[in-house]
C-alpha atoms as a PDB file:
ATOM      1  CA  UNK A   1       0.000   0.000   0.000  1.00  0.00           C
ATOM      2  CA  UNK A   2       2.785   2.425   0.872  1.00  0.00           C
ATOM      3  CA  UNK A   3       4.559   1.782  -2.425  1.00  0.00           C
ATOM      4  CA  UNK A   4       1.372   2.392  -4.368  1.00  0.00           C
ATOM      5  CA  UNK A   5       0.609   5.583  -2.458  1.00  0.00           C
ATOM      6  CA  UNK A   6       4.113   6.924  -3.012  1.00  0.00           C
ATOM      7  CA  UNK A   7       3.854   6.316  -6.748  1.00  0.00           C
ATOM      8  CA  UNK A   8       0.404   7.897  -7.001  1.00  0.00           C
ATOM      9  CA  UNK A   9       1.425  10.961  -4.995  1.00  0.00           C
ATOM     10  CA  UNK A  10       4.352  11.567  -7.306  1.00  0.00           C
ATOM     11  CA  UNK A  11       2.772  10.754 -10.666  1.00  0.00           C
ATOM     12  CA  UNK A  12      -1.031  10.676 -10.658  1.00  0.00           C
ATOM     13  CA  UNK A  13      -3.294  13.320 -12.131  1.00  0.00           C
ATOM     14  CA  UNK A  14      -5.280  15.295  -9.547  1.00  0.00           C
ATOM     15  CA  UNK A  15      -8.467  13.379 -10.309  1.00  0.00           C
ATOM     16  CA  UNK A  16      -6.770  10.016  -9.847  1.00  0.00           C
ATOM     17  CA  UNK A  17      -5.061  11.121  -6.643  1.00  0.00           C
ATOM     18  CA  UNK A  18      -8.448  12.251  -5.298  1.00  0.00           C
ATOM     19  CA  UNK A  19      -9.982   8.909  -6.257  1.00  0.00           C
ATOM     20  CA  UNK A  20      -7.217   7.242  -4.266  1.00  0.00           C
ATOM     21  CA  UNK A  21      -8.005   9.451  -1.302  1.00  0.00           C
ATOM     22  CA  UNK A  22     -11.725   8.674  -1.611  1.00  0.00           C
ATOM     23  CA  UNK A  23     -11.117   4.916  -1.455  1.00  0.00           C
ATOM     24  CA  UNK A  24      -8.278   4.724   1.054  1.00  0.00           C
ATOM     25  CA  UNK A  25      -7.970   7.982   2.997  1.00  0.00           C
ATOM     26  CA  UNK A  26     -11.530   9.122   3.714  1.00  0.00           C
ATOM     27  CA  UNK A  27     -11.479  11.585   0.836  1.00  0.00           C
ATOM     28  CA  UNK A  28     -14.734  13.217  -0.241  1.00  0.00           C
ATOM     29  CA  UNK A  29     -16.977  12.677  -3.229  1.00  0.00           C
ATOM     30  CA  UNK A  30     -17.127  16.432  -3.652  1.00  0.00           C
ATOM     31  CA  UNK A  31     -13.393  16.652  -4.274  1.00  0.00           C
ATOM     32  CA  UNK A  32     -13.598  13.966  -6.961  1.00  0.00           C
ATOM     33  CA  UNK A  33     -16.607  15.656  -8.556  1.00  0.00           C
ATOM     34  CA  UNK A  34     -14.866  19.005  -8.639  1.00  0.00           C
ATOM     35  CA  UNK A  35     -11.847  17.490 -10.372  1.00  0.00           C
ATOM     36  CA  UNK A  36     -14.092  15.566 -12.776  1.00  0.00           C
ATOM     37  CA  UNK A  37     -16.014  18.683 -13.757  1.00  0.00           C
ATOM     38  CA  UNK A  38     -12.823  20.173 -15.218  1.00  0.00           C
ATOM     39  CA  UNK A  39     -13.055  17.601 -18.019  1.00  0.00           C
ATOM     40  CA  UNK A  40     -16.684  18.398 -18.865  1.00  0.00           C
ATOM     41  CA  UNK A  41     -17.343  20.645 -21.874  1.00  0.00           C
ATOM     42  CA  UNK A  42     -20.143  23.155 -22.314  1.00  0.00           C
ATOM     43  CA  UNK A  43     -22.146  20.630 -24.339  1.00  0.00           C
ATOM     44  CA  UNK A  44     -22.175  18.315 -21.298  1.00  0.00           C
ATOM     45  CA  UNK A  45     -19.850  15.740 -22.795  1.00  0.00           C
ATOM     46  CA  UNK A  46     -16.350  14.952 -21.632  1.00  0.00           C
ATOM     47  CA  UNK A  47     -12.971  15.278 -23.313  1.00  0.00           C
ATOM     48  CA  UNK A  48      -9.504  16.579 -22.432  1.00  0.00           C
ATOM     49  CA  UNK A  49      -7.976  13.116 -21.987  1.00  0.00           C
ATOM     50  CA  UNK A  50     -10.174  11.973 -19.133  1.00  0.00           C
ATOM     51  CA  UNK A  51      -9.562   8.590 -20.774  1.00  0.00           C
ATOM     52  CA  UNK A  52      -5.816   9.245 -20.952  1.00  0.00           C
ATOM     53  CA  UNK A  53      -5.064   7.369 -24.166  1.00  0.00           C
ATOM     54  CA  UNK A  54      -6.755  10.103 -26.227  1.00  0.00           C
ATOM     55  CA  UNK A  55      -5.872  13.769 -25.639  1.00  0.00           C
ATOM     56  CA  UNK A  56      -8.701  15.145 -27.755  1.00  0.00           C
ATOM     57  CA  UNK A  57     -10.317  18.057 -25.872  1.00  0.00           C
ATOM     58  CA  UNK A  58     -13.606  17.629 -27.736  1.00  0.00           C
ATOM     59  CA  UNK A  59     -16.502  15.717 -26.233  1.00  0.00           C
ATOM     60  CA  UNK A  60     -16.781  12.093 -27.249  1.00  0.00           C
ATOM     61  CA  UNK A  61     -18.927   9.145 -26.191  1.00  0.00           C
ATOM     62  CA  UNK A  62     -15.902   7.221 -24.940  1.00  0.00           C
ATOM     63  CA  UNK A  63     -14.600  10.061 -22.788  1.00  0.00           C
ATOM     64  CA  UNK A  64     -18.133  10.593 -21.483  1.00  0.00           C
ATOM     65  CA  UNK A  65     -18.347   6.897 -20.674  1.00  0.00           C
ATOM     66  CA  UNK A  66     -15.142   7.304 -18.634  1.00  0.00           C
ATOM     67  CA  UNK A  67     -16.892  10.010 -16.621  1.00  0.00           C
ATOM     68  CA  UNK A  68     -19.873   7.738 -15.916  1.00  0.00           C
ATOM     69  CA  UNK A  69     -17.500   5.083 -14.615  1.00  0.00           C
ATOM     70  CA  UNK A  70     -15.963   7.508 -12.136  1.00  0.00           C
ATOM     71  CA  UNK A  71     -19.400   8.630 -10.983  1.00  0.00           C
ATOM     72  CA  UNK A  72     -20.297   5.007 -10.411  1.00  0.00           C
ATOM     73  CA  UNK A  73     -17.021   4.365  -8.627  1.00  0.00           C
ATOM     74  CA  UNK A  74     -17.847   6.985  -6.000  1.00  0.00           C
ATOM     75  CA  UNK A  75     -21.521   5.977  -5.892  1.00  0.00           C
ATOM     76  CA  UNK A  76     -22.778   9.359  -7.079  1.00  0.00           C
ATOM     77  CA  UNK A  77     -26.428   9.184  -8.136  1.00  0.00           C
ATOM     78  CA  UNK A  78     -27.860  12.701  -7.871  1.00  0.00           C
ATOM     79  CA  UNK A  79     -30.097  13.013 -10.937  1.00  0.00           C
ATOM     80  CA  UNK A  80     -30.440  16.743 -10.376  1.00  0.00           C
ATOM     81  CA  UNK A  81     -26.728  17.453 -10.377  1.00  0.00           C
ATOM     82  CA  UNK A  82     -25.219  19.591 -13.131  1.00  0.00           C
ATOM     83  CA  UNK A  83     -22.730  16.903 -14.027  1.00  0.00           C
ATOM     84  CA  UNK A  84     -25.318  14.171 -14.664  1.00  0.00           C
ATOM     85  CA  UNK A  85     -27.736  16.555 -16.371  1.00  0.00           C
ATOM     86  CA  UNK A  86     -24.876  17.653 -18.601  1.00  0.00           C
ATOM     87  CA  UNK A  87     -24.088  14.080 -19.624  1.00  0.00           C
ATOM     88  CA  UNK A  88     -27.730  13.446 -20.473  1.00  0.00           C
ATOM     89  CA  UNK A  89     -27.860  16.684 -22.476  1.00  0.00           C
ATOM     90  CA  UNK A  90     -24.810  15.641 -24.478  1.00  0.00           C
ATOM     91  CA  UNK A  91     -26.212  12.172 -25.184  1.00  0.00           C
ATOM     92  CA  UNK A  92     -29.539  13.673 -26.224  1.00  0.00           C
ATOM     93  CA  UNK A  93     -27.874  16.094 -28.651  1.00  0.00           C
ATOM     94  CA  UNK A  94     -27.271  13.433 -31.277  1.00  0.00           C
ATOM     95  CA  UNK A  95     -23.573  14.263 -31.377  1.00  0.00           C
ATOM     96  CA  UNK A  96     -21.474  11.264 -32.428  1.00  0.00           C
ATOM     97  CA  UNK A  97     -24.566   9.075 -32.732  1.00  0.00           C
ATOM     98  CA  UNK A  98     -25.267   7.159 -35.930  1.00  0.00           C
ATOM     99  CA  UNK A  99     -28.912   6.329 -35.248  1.00  0.00           C
ATOM    100  CA  UNK A 100     -28.128   2.999 -33.591  1.00  0.00           C
ATOM    101  CA  UNK A 101     -25.033   3.479 -31.438  1.00  0.00           C
ATOM    102  CA  UNK A 102     -22.751   6.204 -30.146  1.00  0.00           C
ATOM    103  CA  UNK A 103     -19.398   6.268 -31.910  1.00  0.00           C
ATOM    104  CA  UNK A 104     -16.648   4.279 -30.305  1.00  0.00           C
ATOM    105  CA  UNK A 105     -14.057   6.587 -31.811  1.00  0.00           C
ATOM    106  CA  UNK A 106     -14.369  10.097 -33.259  1.00  0.00           C
ATOM    107  CA  UNK A 107     -12.377  11.525 -36.139  1.00  0.00           C
ATOM    108  CA  UNK A 108     -11.000  14.527 -34.245  1.00  0.00           C
ATOM    109  CA  UNK A 109      -8.997  12.085 -32.124  1.00  0.00           C
ATOM    110  CA  UNK A 110      -6.617  11.991 -35.075  1.00  0.00           C
ATOM    111  CA  UNK A 111      -5.738  15.658 -34.524  1.00  0.00           C
ATOM    112  CA  UNK A 112      -4.296  15.098 -31.055  1.00  0.00           C
ATOM    113  CA  UNK A 113      -1.892  12.631 -29.413  1.00  0.00           C
ATOM    114  CA  UNK A 114      -3.615   9.293 -29.029  1.00  0.00           C
ATOM    115  CA  UNK A 115      -3.027   5.579 -28.741  1.00  0.00           C
ATOM    116  CA  UNK A 116      -3.355   3.672 -32.031  1.00  0.00           C
ATOM    117  CA  UNK A 117      -6.650   2.099 -30.999  1.00  0.00           C
ATOM    118  CA  UNK A 118      -8.239   5.584 -30.849  1.00  0.00           C
ATOM    119  CA  UNK A 119      -7.282   6.411 -34.438  1.00  0.00           C
ATOM    120  CA  UNK A 120     -10.018   6.201 -37.045  1.00  0.00           C
ATOM    121  CA  UNK A 121     -10.145   6.483 -40.823  1.00  0.00           C
ATOM    122  CA  UNK A 122     -13.777   7.573 -40.852  1.00  0.00           C
ATOM    123  CA  UNK A 123     -16.156   9.438 -38.572  1.00  0.00           C
ATOM    124  CA  UNK A 124     -17.939   6.534 -36.973  1.00  0.00           C
ATOM    125  CA  UNK A 125     -15.051   4.159 -36.360  1.00  0.00           C
ATOM    126  CA  UNK A 126     -15.778   0.566 -35.433  1.00  0.00           C
ATOM    127  CA  UNK A 127     -19.398  -0.528 -35.005  1.00  0.00           C
ATOM    128  CA  UNK A 128     -19.596  -1.793 -31.442  1.00  0.00           C
ATOM    129  CA  UNK A 129     -21.681  -1.615 -28.288  1.00  0.00           C
ATOM    130  CA  UNK A 130     -18.660  -0.287 -26.423  1.00  0.00           C
ATOM    131  CA  UNK A 131     -19.593   2.181 -24.933  1.00  0.00           C
ATOM    132  CA  UNK A 132     -23.190   2.305 -26.226  1.00  0.00           C
ATOM    133  CA  UNK A 133     -24.581  -0.481 -24.039  1.00  0.00           C
ATOM    134  CA  UNK A 134     -23.225   1.267 -20.948  1.00  0.00           C
ATOM    135  CA  UNK A 135     -24.415   4.717 -22.026  1.00  0.00           C
ATOM    136  CA  UNK A 136     -27.883   3.338 -22.720  1.00  0.00           C
ATOM    137  CA  UNK A 137     -27.923   1.899 -19.206  1.00  0.00           C
ATOM    138  CA  UNK A 138     -26.807   5.221 -17.725  1.00  0.00           C
ATOM    139  CA  UNK A 139     -29.686   6.963 -19.485  1.00  0.00           C
ATOM    140  CA  UNK A 140     -32.191   4.364 -18.276  1.00  0.00           C
ATOM    141  CA  UNK A 141     -30.868   4.833 -14.741  1.00  0.00           C
ATOM    142  CA  UNK A 142     -30.916   8.643 -14.674  1.00  0.00           C
ATOM    143  CA  UNK A 143     -33.105  10.131 -17.414  1.00  0.00           C
ATOM    144  CA  UNK A 144     -36.796  11.016 -17.222  1.00  0.00           C
ATOM    145  CA  UNK A 145     -38.637   7.877 -18.315  1.00  0.00           C
ATOM    146  CA  UNK A 146     -41.022  10.007 -20.375  1.00  0.00           C
ATOM    147  CA  UNK A 147     -38.238  11.689 -22.355  1.00  0.00           C
ATOM    148  CA  UNK A 148     -37.274  10.934 -25.940  1.00  0.00           C
ATOM    149  CA  UNK A 149     -33.749  10.179 -24.746  1.00  0.00           C
ATOM    150  CA  UNK A 150     -35.052   7.489 -22.419  1.00  0.00           C
ATOM    151  CA  UNK A 151     -37.025   5.909 -25.273  1.00  0.00           C
ATOM    152  CA  UNK A 152     -33.931   5.989 -27.467  1.00  0.00           C
ATOM    153  CA  UNK A 153     -31.845   4.321 -24.765  1.00  0.00           C
ATOM    154  CA  UNK A 154     -34.421   1.550 -24.447  1.00  0.00           C
ATOM    155  CA  UNK A 155     -34.149   0.882 -28.189  1.00  0.00           C
ATOM    156  CA  UNK A 156     -30.348   0.805 -28.021  1.00  0.00           C
ATOM    157  CA  UNK A 157     -30.474  -1.545 -25.028  1.00  0.00           C
ATOM    158  CA  UNK A 158     -32.853  -3.941 -26.769  1.00  0.00           C
ATOM    159  CA  UNK A 159     -30.744  -4.045 -29.926  1.00  0.00           C
ATOM    160  CA  UNK A 160     -27.597  -4.544 -27.873  1.00  0.00           C
ATOM    161  CA  UNK A 161     -29.120  -7.523 -26.083  1.00  0.00           C
ATOM    162  CA  UNK A 162     -30.200  -9.055 -29.369  1.00  0.00           C
ATOM    163  CA  UNK A 163     -26.612  -8.738 -30.564  1.00  0.00           C
ATOM    164  CA  UNK A 164     -25.066 -10.472 -27.573  1.00  0.00           C
ATOM    165  CA  UNK A 165     -27.682 -13.207 -27.819  1.00  0.00           C
ATOM    166  CA  UNK A 166     -26.411 -13.988 -31.295  1.00  0.00           C
ATOM    167  CA  UNK A 167     -22.765 -14.492 -30.367  1.00  0.00           C
ATOM    168  CA  UNK A 168     -21.807 -14.131 -26.686  1.00  0.00           C
ATOM    169  CA  UNK A 169     -18.571 -16.034 -27.179  1.00  0.00           C
ATOM    170  CA  UNK A 170     -17.302 -13.449 -29.665  1.00  0.00           C
ATOM    171  CA  UNK A 171     -17.570 -10.410 -27.378  1.00  0.00           C
ATOM    172  CA  UNK A 172     -14.355  -8.900 -26.073  1.00  0.00           C
ATOM    173  CA  UNK A 173     -13.860  -7.912 -22.468  1.00  0.00           C
ATOM    174  CA  UNK A 174     -14.542  -4.199 -22.965  1.00  0.00           C
ATOM    175  CA  UNK A 175     -17.828  -4.825 -24.735  1.00  0.00           C
ATOM    176  CA  UNK A 176     -18.879  -7.349 -22.101  1.00  0.00           C
ATOM    177  CA  UNK A 177     -18.123  -4.849 -19.340  1.00  0.00           C
ATOM    178  CA  UNK A 178     -20.511  -2.412 -21.027  1.00  0.00           C
ATOM    179  CA  UNK A 179     -23.236  -5.064 -21.126  1.00  0.00           C
ATOM    180  CA  UNK A 180     -22.584  -5.738 -17.459  1.00  0.00           C
ATOM    181  CA  UNK A 181     -23.115  -2.056 -16.680  1.00  0.00           C
ATOM    182  CA  UNK A 182     -26.324  -2.059 -18.715  1.00  0.00           C
ATOM    183  CA  UNK A 183     -27.649  -4.914 -16.601  1.00  0.00           C
ATOM    184  CA  UNK A 184     -26.616  -3.209 -13.361  1.00  0.00           C
ATOM    185  CA  UNK A 185     -28.133   0.145 -14.321  1.00  0.00           C
ATOM    186  CA  UNK A 186     -31.428  -1.503 -15.262  1.00  0.00           C
ATOM    187  CA  UNK A 187     -31.478  -3.398 -11.970  1.00  0.00           C
ATOM    188  CA  UNK A 188     -30.851  -0.219  -9.998  1.00  0.00           C
ATOM    189  CA  UNK A 189     -33.556   1.639 -11.914  1.00  0.00           C
ATOM    190  CA  UNK A 190     -36.017  -1.172 -11.203  1.00  0.00           C
ATOM    191  CA  UNK A 191     -36.623  -1.580 -14.913  1.00  0.00           C
ATOM    192  CA  UNK A 192     -38.004  -4.975 -15.870  1.00  0.00           C
ATOM    193  CA  UNK A 193     -39.787  -4.397 -19.164  1.00  0.00           C
ATOM    194  CA  UNK A 194     -36.996  -3.031 -21.376  1.00  0.00           C
ATOM    195  CA  UNK A 195     -34.842  -6.133 -21.706  1.00  0.00           C
ATOM    196  CA  UNK A 196     -35.028  -9.747 -20.574  1.00  0.00           C
ATOM    197  CA  UNK A 197     -32.816  -9.426 -17.503  1.00  0.00           C
ATOM    198  CA  UNK A 198     -32.634 -13.142 -16.762  1.00  0.00           C
ATOM    199  CA  UNK A 199     -31.595 -13.956 -20.307  1.00  0.00           C
ATOM    200  CA  UNK A 200     -28.975 -11.194 -20.305  1.00  0.00           C
ATOM    201  CA  UNK A 201     -27.577 -12.364 -16.979  1.00  0.00           C
ATOM    202  CA  UNK A 202     -27.316 -15.933 -18.258  1.00  0.00           C
ATOM    203  CA  UNK A 203     -25.568 -14.842 -21.447  1.00  0.00           C
ATOM    204  CA  UNK A 204     -23.173 -12.589 -19.557  1.00  0.00           C
ATOM    205  CA  UNK A 205     -22.178 -15.237 -17.018  1.00  0.00           C
ATOM    206  CA  UNK A 206     -21.432 -17.605 -19.880  1.00  0.00           C
ATOM    207  CA  UNK A 207     -19.505 -15.003 -21.874  1.00  0.00           C
ATOM    208  CA  UNK A 208     -17.529 -13.680 -18.890  1.00  0.00           C
ATOM    209  CA  UNK A 209     -16.410 -17.182 -17.937  1.00  0.00           C
ATOM    210  CA  UNK A 210     -15.151 -17.703 -21.481  1.00  0.00           C
ATOM    211  CA  UNK A 211     -13.479 -14.320 -21.644  1.00  0.00           C
ATOM    212  CA  UNK A 212     -11.309 -14.536 -18.508  1.00  0.00           C
ATOM    213  CA  UNK A 213      -7.791 -15.666 -19.390  1.00  0.00           C
ATOM    214  CA  UNK A 214      -7.191 -18.935 -17.557  1.00  0.00           C
ATOM    215  CA  UNK A 215      -3.629 -19.377 -18.795  1.00  0.00           C
ATOM    216  CA  UNK A 216      -1.905 -17.320 -16.105  1.00  0.00           C
ATOM    217  CA  UNK A 217       1.462 -17.708 -17.833  1.00  0.00           C
ATOM    218  CA  UNK A 218       0.256 -14.966 -20.200  1.00  0.00           C
ATOM    219  CA  UNK A 219      -0.571 -12.502 -17.448  1.00  0.00           C
ATOM    220  CA  UNK A 220       2.922 -11.022 -17.177  1.00  0.00           C
ATOM    221  CA  UNK A 221       3.461 -10.330 -20.865  1.00  0.00           C
ATOM    222  CA  UNK A 222       0.133 -10.126 -22.704  1.00  0.00           C
ATOM    223  CA  UNK A 223      -2.953  -7.910 -22.823  1.00  0.00           C
ATOM    224  CA  UNK A 224      -5.357 -10.327 -21.210  1.00  0.00           C
ATOM    225  CA  UNK A 225      -8.643 -10.397 -19.321  1.00  0.00           C
ATOM    226  CA  UNK A 226      -8.531 -10.768 -15.536  1.00  0.00           C
ATOM    227  CA  UNK A 227     -11.500 -11.320 -13.195  1.00  0.00           C
ATOM    228  CA  UNK A 228     -11.354  -7.707 -11.953  1.00  0.00           C
ATOM    229  CA  UNK A 229     -12.456  -6.584 -15.408  1.00  0.00           C
ATOM    230  CA  UNK A 230     -15.922  -7.730 -14.336  1.00  0.00           C
ATOM    231  CA  UNK A 231     -16.095  -7.932 -10.543  1.00  0.00           C
ATOM    232  CA  UNK A 232     -14.312  -6.861  -7.359  1.00  0.00           C
ATOM    233  CA  UNK A 233     -16.570  -8.461  -4.783  1.00  0.00           C
ATOM    234  CA  UNK A 234     -17.601 -11.962  -3.778  1.00  0.00           C
ATOM    235  CA  UNK A 235     -21.180 -10.735  -4.002  1.00  0.00           C
ATOM    236  CA  UNK A 236     -20.965 -10.434  -7.781  1.00  0.00           C
ATOM    237  CA  UNK A 237     -22.994 -12.813  -9.940  1.00  0.00           C
ATOM    238  CA  UNK A 238     -19.756 -13.480 -11.842  1.00  0.00           C
ATOM    239  CA  UNK A 239     -17.804 -14.672  -8.802  1.00  0.00           C
ATOM    240  CA  UNK A 240     -19.273 -18.180  -8.695  1.00  0.00           C
ATOM    241  CA  UNK A 241     -17.032 -20.508 -10.652  1.00  0.00           C
ATOM    242  CA  UNK A 242     -14.219 -17.956 -10.673  1.00  0.00           C
ATOM    243  CA  UNK A 243     -13.219 -18.144  -7.004  1.00  0.00           C
ATOM    244  CA  UNK A 244      -9.775 -19.613  -7.633  1.00  0.00           C
ATOM    245  CA  UNK A 245      -8.786 -17.328 -10.482  1.00  0.00           C
ATOM    246  CA  UNK A 246      -9.998 -14.289  -8.495  1.00  0.00           C
ATOM    247  CA  UNK A 247      -7.888 -15.350  -5.514  1.00  0.00           C
ATOM    248  CA  UNK A 248      -4.950 -15.831  -7.860  1.00  0.00           C
ATOM    249  CA  UNK A 249      -5.357 -12.288  -9.186  1.00  0.00           C
ATOM    250  CA  UNK A 250      -5.216 -10.843  -5.677  1.00  0.00           C
ATOM    251  CA  UNK A 251      -1.939 -12.651  -5.078  1.00  0.00           C
ATOM    252  CA  UNK A 252      -0.692 -11.678  -8.540  1.00  0.00           C
ATOM    253  CA  UNK A 253      -1.251  -7.994  -7.787  1.00  0.00           C
ATOM    254  CA  UNK A 254       0.686  -8.212  -4.527  1.00  0.00           C
ATOM    255  CA  UNK A 255       3.512 -10.283  -5.950  1.00  0.00           C
ATOM    256  CA  UNK A 256       4.013  -8.219  -9.101  1.00  0.00           C
ATOM    257  CA  UNK A 257       4.243  -4.830  -7.374  1.00  0.00           C
ATOM    258  CA  UNK A 258       7.616  -3.258  -8.044  1.00  0.00           C
ATOM    259  CA  UNK A 259      10.030  -2.376  -5.299  1.00  0.00           C
ATOM    260  CA  UNK A 260       9.611   1.265  -4.272  1.00  0.00           C
ATOM    261  CA  UNK A 261      13.233   2.115  -4.988  1.00  0.00           C
ATOM    262  CA  UNK A 262      13.017   0.656  -8.483  1.00  0.00           C
ATOM    263  CA  UNK A 263       9.820   2.566  -9.227  1.00  0.00           C
ATOM    264  CA  UNK A 264      11.293   5.855  -8.083  1.00  0.00           C
ATOM    265  CA  UNK A 265      14.474   5.289 -10.102  1.00  0.00           C
ATOM    266  CA  UNK A 266      12.493   4.394 -13.216  1.00  0.00           C
ATOM    267  CA  UNK A 267      10.317   7.519 -12.931  1.00  0.00           C
ATOM    268  CA  UNK A 268      13.373   9.741 -12.497  1.00  0.00           C
ATOM    269  CA  UNK A 269      15.071   8.212 -15.536  1.00  0.00           C
ATOM    270  CA  UNK A 270      11.999   8.809 -17.670  1.00  0.00           C
END
């Protein structure tokens, strides 16, 4: 813990340091929210490298998704707050929406430093329910159920569930995580008539179990899927059947942490 704190204090962005404080040092939600609001644009969407692999200052669905994840992380659910109203306003604007899904990647990413996976040759990028399934769930959780945006989100959610029903084994971990959020948001909203929750849960459990990388020899060197991609509690519906691999990940995290002196030397050299 001390090694991690030392590294974060020296290198983390303010918002990430405040998230650390919230989880481990009795930090406040308000401090996290204030830092998060810096990334929110006038249109209500988020940009400015909130998702740090893309430095585009313009609002995008993916950066806005990153904001919803932080709100969820600190259990912030005030529907009347400016930050949540702003997100809903952005999603209702039609910006970066193709009629079926919100764009996974926007073309203006190309104009700023970005990781190769956030580069796109056209405006809409790859057709995927990452982050659309999650954004639809966020809308269902927080929007007025009589609004046009809410109705749109219900349509997106239904189409997303039809897609995963066709080929759950072909979904990657990021897409599956968005479906998981959709299910959780609908549960929290008490919504039972938008999607078949039992069917979605069954499909997700099956897909998550297939997605987790069981060959732990790949964990040190490859971009793989660990249990924490989907759950961080024994209470999760995805924990059953994954007890051993989850326990292994906890030990893996502890055993793979770098020595504090090595971390500090590496940072100084960079």
